[in-house]
């Protein structure tokens, strides 16, 4: 009996030793878990990246880097801050990795991509192809897939624009992208478009313009104006702001914007804000005739009326709705004509729609889809209604028409 109890005590003692060893090992692991942690003060935080191609074919990489001491005591980096919040640096190389290593060699802190929310491609580089650059960014663990993508005539120049309302230029561009009437494309979106069925992509285009009303230092501003069109990773052209609005309907990416129209045989204009929009694309194949029916259903709210219409009249509302439908139809057709007749670039996701419904027929046109895309018959069916008339029924300051 004593021998049995002794064995039990010895077993429990051995168990305690094992458990203590495991506990000590776990504590050791936890204490050393942050051995490779890099403090923020040891990092050069990238806020925006610009990629250009020079005359010799080299890649010029420009980075906008946050200055940590600008947020130190006594300064918040806002409009009243006494010093700059960021600085720009550039280097050239055979590729983005080569140029980046040269930038890193001139900095005392390790570059950090985790806060880079804006990537801008120069037009010359974009026309030469962007797939290799996208590949590099996606292979790295730090760049965010939700970072926004843009194209500009000279990408580096955009980073050099002064910030007016925001802390630095890239922050202003990011905020503008969430408010403006243009498409919004992330790094992930771009990769999905380039590797998708259509092999085509669209990226918002940044344009630098001069505002004569502003002072000498801030009269040049960068703003989103239209869309850069890509096919097989190369930029092949641009869509104007007007053409882009038709594209927004097709891509179901409408944001707050205004449709201004004129009613036939009447002076003045009526402006509406689409408050809801439902876009449905229906692919059809019959006797080898490929057709896409684009159904648009929208409701608009009147925000301005400079006509003499009495909007409470159902007859008047019907006339406004007819003009509304016509305007939307014109915008969508303008975009489709450009994409089908000039660019042969499917940035409307037609390819995916046909593939899902007709996988067998799709395989027969997959290798030459861009040519087939231009032959697709597009039927635009618009249903538009005016549901809100604002707080007043008639034009302010004007008598009712007799």
Protein backbone atom coordinates (compact mmCIF):
# COMPACT_ATOMS: atom_id res chain seq x y z
CA UNK A 1 0.00 0.00 0.00
CA UNK A 2 2.85 2.35 0.94
CA UNK A 3 4.62 1.47 -2.28
CA UNK A 4 1.47 2.29 -4.29
CA UNK A 5 1.06 5.69 -2.59
CA UNK A 6 4.71 6.46 -3.19
CA UNK A 7 4.26 5.82 -6.89
CA UNK A 8 1.26 8.18 -6.98
CA UNK A 9 3.20 10.93 -5.19
CA UNK A 10 6.11 10.52 -7.57
CA UNK A 11 3.75 10.64 -10.56
CA UNK A 12 2.14 13.85 -9.31
CA UNK A 13 5.55 15.38 -8.70
CA UNK A 14 6.64 14.54 -12.26
CA UNK A 15 3.37 16.00 -13.60
CA UNK A 16 3.98 19.25 -11.69
CA UNK A 17 7.47 19.48 -13.17
CA UNK A 18 6.08 19.01 -16.69
CA UNK A 19 3.33 21.59 -16.16
CA UNK A 20 5.81 24.09 -14.73
CA UNK A 21 8.10 23.54 -17.70
CA UNK A 22 5.23 24.15 -20.12
CA UNK A 23 4.26 27.32 -18.24
CA UNK A 24 7.84 28.65 -18.27
CA UNK A 25 8.11 27.90 -21.99
CA UNK A 26 4.79 29.66 -22.73
CA UNK A 27 5.90 32.74 -20.76
CA UNK A 28 9.19 32.76 -22.63
CA UNK A 29 7.39 32.65 -25.99
CA UNK A 30 5.01 35.45 -24.96
CA UNK A 31 7.82 37.65 -23.70
CA UNK A 32 9.81 37.25 -26.91
CA UNK A 33 6.78 37.50 -29.24
CA UNK A 34 7.49 41.15 -30.08
CA UNK A 35 11.21 40.74 -30.81
CA UNK A 36 10.71 41.88 -34.42
CA UNK A 37 8.23 44.68 -33.68
CA UNK A 38 9.10 47.95 -35.39
CA UNK A 39 8.15 51.12 -33.53
CA UNK A 40 6.36 53.89 -35.44
CA UNK A 41 9.29 56.21 -34.76
CA UNK A 42 11.51 53.81 -36.69
CA UNK A 43 9.32 53.86 -39.83
CA UNK A 44 8.96 56.13 -42.85
CA UNK A 45 5.20 55.98 -43.41
CA UNK A 46 4.20 56.23 -47.08
CA UNK A 47 0.90 58.06 -47.64
CA UNK A 48 0.88 58.04 -51.48
CA UNK A 49 2.86 56.57 -54.38
CA UNK A 50 3.33 57.89 -57.92
CA UNK A 51 4.82 55.87 -60.78
CA UNK A 52 6.06 57.48 -64.00
CA UNK A 53 8.14 56.41 -66.99
CA UNK A 54 11.01 58.67 -68.10
CA UNK A 55 12.37 59.28 -71.60
CA UNK A 56 14.93 56.47 -71.19
CA UNK A 57 12.26 53.93 -70.26
CA UNK A 58 13.17 53.85 -66.57
CA UNK A 59 10.63 53.82 -63.78
CA UNK A 60 10.47 56.95 -61.64
CA UNK A 61 9.06 56.16 -58.22
CA UNK A 62 7.81 59.11 -56.14
CA UNK A 63 6.71 58.67 -52.54
CA UNK A 64 4.85 61.04 -50.25
CA UNK A 65 6.11 60.33 -46.73
CA UNK A 66 4.56 61.40 -43.45
CA UNK A 67 6.67 63.52 -41.08
CA UNK A 68 6.03 62.17 -37.53
CA UNK A 69 7.30 65.28 -35.73
CA UNK A 70 4.61 67.35 -37.49
CA UNK A 71 2.16 65.70 -35.06
CA UNK A 72 4.29 66.26 -32.02
CA UNK A 73 3.25 68.52 -29.14
CA UNK A 74 2.08 71.89 -30.33
CA UNK A 75 1.16 70.83 -33.86
CA UNK A 76 -1.71 68.80 -35.27
CA UNK A 77 -0.82 68.99 -38.96
CA UNK A 78 -4.03 70.80 -39.83
CA UNK A 79 -4.58 74.03 -41.76
CA UNK A 80 -3.08 76.06 -38.91
CA UNK A 81 0.08 73.96 -38.67
CA UNK A 82 3.30 75.91 -39.14
CA UNK A 83 5.20 73.23 -41.03
CA UNK A 84 4.57 70.59 -43.73
CA UNK A 85 3.03 67.27 -42.76
CA UNK A 86 4.68 65.27 -45.55
CA UNK A 87 7.66 65.42 -47.88
CA UNK A 88 8.15 63.91 -51.35
CA UNK A 89 11.12 61.90 -52.55
CA UNK A 90 11.84 60.27 -55.93
CA UNK A 91 14.26 57.79 -57.45
CA UNK A 92 14.59 56.06 -60.83
CA UNK A 93 15.23 52.40 -61.50
CA UNK A 94 14.78 49.54 -63.94
CA UNK A 95 11.59 48.57 -62.13
CA UNK A 96 9.62 49.52 -59.04
CA UNK A 97 11.68 47.25 -56.77
CA UNK A 98 14.95 48.76 -58.02
CA UNK A 99 13.72 52.33 -57.57
CA UNK A 100 12.32 51.52 -54.13
CA UNK A 101 15.67 50.16 -52.93
CA UNK A 102 17.32 53.43 -54.00
CA UNK A 103 14.74 55.45 -52.06
CA UNK A 104 15.29 53.27 -48.99
CA UNK A 105 19.06 53.78 -49.29
CA UNK A 106 18.63 57.52 -48.79
CA UNK A 107 16.33 57.31 -45.76
CA UNK A 108 17.21 56.71 -42.11
CA UNK A 109 13.95 54.83 -41.44
CA UNK A 110 12.40 51.71 -42.92
CA UNK A 111 9.69 52.40 -45.50
CA UNK A 112 6.22 51.30 -44.42
CA UNK A 113 3.39 50.77 -46.98
CA UNK A 114 0.57 50.02 -44.56
CA UNK A 115 -0.84 53.59 -44.66
CA UNK A 116 -0.39 54.16 -48.40
CA UNK A 117 -3.95 54.80 -49.56
CA UNK A 118 -3.29 56.35 -52.99
CA UNK A 119 -1.43 54.98 -56.02
CA UNK A 120 -1.09 57.11 -59.16
CA UNK A 121 0.14 55.91 -62.56
CA UNK A 122 1.59 58.37 -65.05
CA UNK A 123 -0.04 58.25 -68.47
CA UNK A 124 3.14 57.19 -70.34
CA UNK A 125 3.70 54.34 -67.91
CA UNK A 126 0.02 53.33 -68.08
CA UNK A 127 0.15 53.12 -71.88
CA UNK A 128 3.20 50.85 -71.61
CA UNK A 129 1.42 48.46 -69.22
CA UNK A 130 0.81 48.25 -65.47
CA UNK A 131 0.57 44.51 -64.82
CA UNK A 132 4.14 44.16 -63.50
CA UNK A 133 3.61 47.02 -61.06
CA UNK A 134 0.32 45.57 -59.83
CA UNK A 135 2.04 42.21 -59.42
CA UNK A 136 4.74 43.76 -57.23
CA UNK A 137 2.26 45.59 -55.01
CA UNK A 138 0.10 42.51 -54.49
CA UNK A 139 3.09 40.32 -53.63
CA UNK A 140 4.14 42.59 -50.79
CA UNK A 141 2.46 42.07 -47.39
CA UNK A 142 2.15 45.75 -46.49
CA UNK A 143 0.35 47.60 -49.36
CA UNK A 144 -3.39 47.67 -48.70
CA UNK A 145 -5.68 46.08 -51.26
CA UNK A 146 -8.22 48.82 -50.50
CA UNK A 147 -5.83 51.58 -51.56
CA UNK A 148 -7.27 53.79 -54.32
CA UNK A 149 -5.89 53.77 -57.88
CA UNK A 150 -5.60 56.77 -60.25
CA UNK A 151 -4.04 57.81 -63.55
CA UNK A 152 -2.62 61.28 -64.32
CA UNK A 153 -0.64 62.90 -67.12
CA UNK A 154 2.39 63.09 -64.82
CA UNK A 155 1.82 61.21 -61.56
CA UNK A 156 4.65 62.91 -59.69
CA UNK A 157 3.14 66.36 -60.30
CA UNK A 158 -0.07 65.37 -58.48
CA UNK A 159 1.83 64.64 -55.27
CA UNK A 160 3.42 68.07 -55.50
CA UNK A 161 0.06 69.85 -55.53
CA UNK A 162 -0.63 71.88 -52.37
CA UNK A 163 -3.29 70.65 -49.96
CA UNK A 164 -6.09 73.19 -49.51
CA UNK A 165 -8.64 71.69 -47.13
CA UNK A 166 -6.82 68.51 -46.07
CA UNK A 167 -3.48 67.94 -44.34
CA UNK A 168 -1.69 66.78 -47.50
CA UNK A 169 -2.45 66.27 -51.21
CA UNK A 170 -3.03 62.49 -51.18
CA UNK A 171 -5.56 62.84 -48.37
CA UNK A 172 -7.44 65.41 -50.44
CA UNK A 173 -7.48 63.05 -53.44
CA UNK A 174 -8.80 60.20 -51.29
CA UNK A 175 -11.60 62.35 -49.88
CA UNK A 176 -12.46 63.65 -53.33
CA UNK A 177 -12.82 60.08 -54.61
CA UNK A 178 -15.53 59.39 -52.04
CA UNK A 179 -17.51 62.49 -53.00
CA UNK A 180 -17.02 63.10 -56.72
CA UNK A 181 -19.12 61.73 -59.58
CA UNK A 182 -16.52 59.31 -60.87
CA UNK A 183 -15.71 55.64 -60.56
CA UNK A 184 -13.87 54.40 -57.49
CA UNK A 185 -11.25 51.67 -58.01
CA UNK A 186 -9.08 49.95 -55.40
CA UNK A 187 -5.95 47.86 -55.91
CA UNK A 188 -8.05 44.73 -55.44
CA UNK A 189 -10.71 45.96 -57.89
CA UNK A 190 -8.05 46.69 -60.51
CA UNK A 191 -6.50 43.24 -60.19
CA UNK A 192 -9.92 41.59 -60.53
CA UNK A 193 -10.70 43.61 -63.66
CA UNK A 194 -7.36 42.89 -65.32
CA UNK A 195 -7.63 39.16 -64.62
CA UNK A 196 -11.36 38.96 -65.34
CA UNK A 197 -13.19 37.68 -68.40
CA UNK A 198 -13.03 40.95 -70.32
CA UNK A 199 -9.31 41.74 -69.74
CA UNK A 200 -10.28 45.41 -69.52
CA UNK A 201 -10.24 47.93 -66.70
CA UNK A 202 -11.21 51.48 -65.80
CA UNK A 203 -9.35 53.84 -63.45
CA UNK A 204 -10.34 57.40 -62.46
CA UNK A 205 -8.27 60.07 -64.22
CA UNK A 206 -6.73 62.95 -62.28
CA UNK A 207 -6.31 66.27 -64.03
CA UNK A 208 -4.37 69.31 -62.85
CA UNK A 209 -6.10 72.58 -63.61
CA UNK A 210 -5.60 76.22 -62.72
CA UNK A 211 -8.10 78.23 -60.74
CA UNK A 212 -7.60 81.92 -61.39
CA UNK A 213 -9.62 82.85 -58.32
CA UNK A 214 -7.04 81.26 -56.01
CA UNK A 215 -3.74 82.75 -54.95
CA UNK A 216 -0.45 81.97 -56.66
CA UNK A 217 0.45 79.11 -54.30
CA UNK A 218 -2.81 77.20 -54.50
CA UNK A 219 -4.19 78.04 -57.94
CA UNK A 220 -3.17 74.64 -59.34
CA UNK A 221 -5.40 71.84 -58.08
CA UNK A 222 -5.76 68.16 -58.95
CA UNK A 223 -9.26 66.83 -59.39
CA UNK A 224 -10.92 63.72 -60.82
CA UNK A 225 -11.96 64.31 -64.41
CA UNK A 226 -13.14 61.31 -66.39
CA UNK A 227 -11.84 57.77 -66.67
CA UNK A 228 -8.76 56.06 -68.08
CA UNK A 229 -9.67 52.98 -70.16
CA UNK A 230 -7.40 49.91 -70.13
CA UNK A 231 -7.29 46.80 -72.29
CA UNK A 232 -4.83 43.96 -71.58
CA UNK A 233 -3.25 46.11 -68.82
CA UNK A 234 -2.44 49.02 -71.18
CA UNK A 235 -4.18 52.38 -71.21
CA UNK A 236 -5.81 52.90 -74.61
CA UNK A 237 -7.78 56.11 -74.05
CA UNK A 238 -9.88 58.32 -71.80
CA UNK A 239 -13.53 58.99 -71.18
CA UNK A 240 -14.63 62.54 -70.45
CA UNK A 241 -16.57 63.48 -67.34
CA UNK A 242 -19.77 63.48 -69.39
CA UNK A 243 -19.05 60.04 -70.85
CA UNK A 244 -18.12 58.72 -67.41
CA UNK A 245 -21.57 59.58 -66.08
CA UNK A 246 -23.06 57.13 -68.58
CA UNK A 247 -20.52 54.55 -67.44
CA UNK A 248 -21.64 55.03 -63.82
CA UNK A 249 -25.16 53.98 -64.77
CA UNK A 250 -23.83 50.89 -66.56
CA UNK A 251 -21.59 49.89 -63.64
CA UNK A 252 -24.28 50.66 -61.05
CA UNK A 253 -21.90 53.00 -59.23
CA UNK A 254 -24.05 56.09 -58.95
CA UNK A 255 -23.29 58.55 -56.18
CA UNK A 256 -24.73 61.94 -55.36
CA UNK A 257 -24.84 63.98 -58.52
CA UNK A 258 -27.24 66.08 -60.55
CA UNK A 259 -29.02 65.49 -63.85
CA UNK A 260 -30.00 68.76 -65.53
CA UNK A 261 -32.51 68.62 -68.36
CA UNK A 262 -34.70 70.77 -70.57
CA UNK A 263 -38.30 69.95 -71.34
CA UNK A 264 -39.19 70.24 -75.01
CA UNK A 265 -40.66 73.59 -76.09
CA UNK A 266 -40.08 75.17 -72.69
CA UNK A 267 -37.54 77.70 -71.46
CA UNK A 268 -35.56 77.09 -68.30
CA UNK A 269 -34.12 73.93 -66.83
CA UNK A 270 -34.94 71.34 -64.21
CA UNK A 271 -32.25 69.64 -62.13
CA UNK A 272 -32.83 66.34 -60.38
CA UNK A 273 -30.82 64.19 -57.99
CA UNK A 274 -31.32 60.44 -58.50
CA UNK A 275 -32.33 59.21 -55.05
CA UNK A 276 -32.53 55.56 -56.06
CA UNK A 277 -31.35 53.51 -58.99
CA UNK A 278 -31.72 49.86 -59.92
CA UNK A 279 -29.69 48.55 -62.86
CA UNK A 280 -30.27 45.09 -64.25
CA UNK A 281 -28.37 43.58 -67.20
CA UNK A 282 -30.01 40.70 -69.07
CA UNK A 283 -27.86 38.85 -71.66
CA UNK A 284 -29.63 37.18 -74.59
CA UNK A 285 -28.31 34.93 -77.37
CA UNK A 286 -30.63 33.94 -80.20
CA UNK A 287 -29.54 32.65 -83.61
CA UNK A 288 -25.98 33.74 -82.80
CA UNK A 289 -27.22 37.28 -82.17
CA UNK A 290 -25.75 38.52 -78.89
CA UNK A 291 -27.85 41.10 -77.11
CA UNK A 292 -27.59 42.87 -73.75
CA UNK A 293 -30.73 44.44 -72.33
CA UNK A 294 -29.84 47.19 -69.88
CA UNK A 295 -32.79 47.94 -67.62
CA UNK A 296 -32.52 51.10 -65.54
CA UNK A 297 -35.13 52.02 -62.95
CA UNK A 298 -34.63 55.27 -61.08
CA UNK A 299 -36.41 57.86 -59.02
CA UNK A 300 -35.34 61.49 -58.94
CA UNK A 301 -35.85 64.45 -56.64
CA UNK A 302 -36.19 67.95 -58.09
CA UNK A 303 -33.55 70.26 -56.60
CA UNK A 304 -33.90 73.21 -59.01
CA UNK A 305 -36.66 74.45 -61.30
CA UNK A 306 -36.14 77.50 -63.52
CA UNK A 307 -39.15 76.78 -65.76
CA UNK A 308 -42.70 78.07 -65.42
CA UNK A 309 -44.05 74.57 -64.74
CA UNK A 310 -46.65 73.90 -62.07
CA UNK A 311 -45.10 70.67 -60.80
CA UNK A 312 -48.24 69.57 -58.97
CA UNK A 313 -49.80 68.78 -62.34
CA UNK A 314 -49.58 65.09 -63.29
CA UNK A 315 -49.30 66.08 -66.95
CA UNK A 316 -46.28 68.24 -66.14
CA UNK A 317 -44.66 65.48 -64.08
CA UNK A 318 -45.12 63.06 -66.98
CA UNK A 319 -43.34 65.49 -69.32
CA UNK A 320 -40.47 65.89 -66.85
CA UNK A 321 -40.17 62.12 -66.47
CA UNK A 322 -40.05 61.73 -70.25
CA UNK A 323 -37.18 64.23 -70.47
CA UNK A 324 -35.48 62.49 -67.53
CA UNK A 325 -35.65 59.13 -69.32
CA UNK A 326 -34.28 60.64 -72.50
CA UNK A 327 -31.35 62.24 -70.69
CA UNK A 328 -30.32 58.99 -68.99
CA UNK A 329 -30.69 57.07 -72.26
CA UNK A 330 -28.45 59.59 -74.03
CA UNK A 331 -25.74 59.35 -71.37
CA UNK A 332 -25.68 55.56 -71.35
CA UNK A 333 -25.67 55.37 -75.16
CA UNK A 334 -22.84 57.91 -75.34
CA UNK A 335 -20.69 55.73 -73.08
CA UNK A 336 -21.58 52.50 -74.88
CA UNK A 337 -20.88 53.93 -78.34
CA UNK A 338 -17.42 55.03 -77.20
CA UNK A 339 -16.58 51.69 -75.61
CA UNK A 340 -17.90 49.57 -78.48
CA UNK A 341 -16.98 51.64 -81.53
CA UNK A 342 -13.72 53.30 -80.49
CA UNK A 343 -12.06 51.28 -77.74
CA UNK A 344 -13.54 47.77 -78.04
CA UNK A 345 -13.06 47.59 -74.28
CA UNK A 346 -15.61 45.89 -72.03
CA UNK A 347 -15.40 47.79 -68.75
CA UNK A 348 -19.13 47.21 -68.24
CA UNK A 349 -18.87 43.56 -67.09
CA UNK A 350 -20.81 42.26 -70.12
CA UNK A 351 -18.34 39.35 -70.43
CA UNK A 352 -19.06 38.03 -66.95
CA UNK A 353 -22.82 38.31 -67.50
CA UNK A 354 -22.69 36.27 -70.75
CA UNK A 355 -20.29 33.73 -69.21
CA UNK A 356 -22.59 33.05 -66.28
CA UNK A 357 -25.71 32.55 -68.40
CA UNK A 358 -24.18 31.03 -71.53
CA UNK A 359 -20.91 29.28 -70.54
CA UNK A 360 -20.86 27.05 -73.63
CA UNK A 361 -21.39 29.91 -76.10
CA UNK A 362 -18.91 32.05 -74.17
CA UNK A 363 -16.07 29.61 -74.79
CA UNK A 364 -16.44 30.12 -78.54
CA UNK A 365 -15.79 33.88 -78.26
CA UNK A 366 -13.54 34.03 -75.20
CA UNK A 367 -10.27 34.48 -77.12
CA UNK A 368 -11.63 37.32 -79.25
CA UNK A 369 -14.13 38.85 -76.84
CA UNK A 370 -13.07 42.45 -77.49
CA UNK A 371 -14.12 42.06 -81.13
CA UNK A 372 -17.35 40.30 -80.18
CA UNK A 373 -18.09 42.97 -77.58
CA UNK A 374 -18.29 45.63 -80.28
CA UNK A 375 -20.94 43.53 -82.08
CA UNK A 376 -23.22 43.04 -79.06
CA UNK A 377 -26.59 44.71 -79.56
CA UNK A 378 -27.31 46.92 -76.57
CA UNK A 379 -30.93 47.72 -75.73
CA UNK A 380 -31.32 50.50 -73.16
CA UNK A 381 -34.62 50.44 -71.29
CA UNK A 382 -35.08 53.34 -68.85
CA UNK A 383 -37.91 53.75 -66.35
CA UNK A 384 -37.60 57.09 -64.58
CA UNK A 385 -39.95 58.73 -62.10
CA UNK A 386 -40.05 62.00 -60.20
CA UNK A 387 -40.99 61.24 -56.60
CA UNK A 388 -39.91 64.35 -54.74
CA UNK A 389 -40.49 67.96 -55.71
CA UNK A 390 -38.68 69.73 -52.88
CA UNK A 391 -40.35 71.95 -50.29
CA UNK A 392 -42.09 74.14 -52.87
CA UNK A 393 -44.19 73.19 -55.89
CA UNK A 394 -43.62 76.09 -58.26
CA UNK A 395 -40.60 78.18 -59.22
CA UNK A 396 -39.70 80.59 -56.44
CA UNK A 397 -40.28 84.26 -57.20
CA UNK A 398 -42.36 83.56 -60.31
CA UNK A 399 -46.10 83.65 -60.88
CA UNK A 400 -47.93 80.59 -62.09
CA UNK A 401 -48.29 80.36 -65.86
CA UNK A 402 -51.75 81.19 -67.07
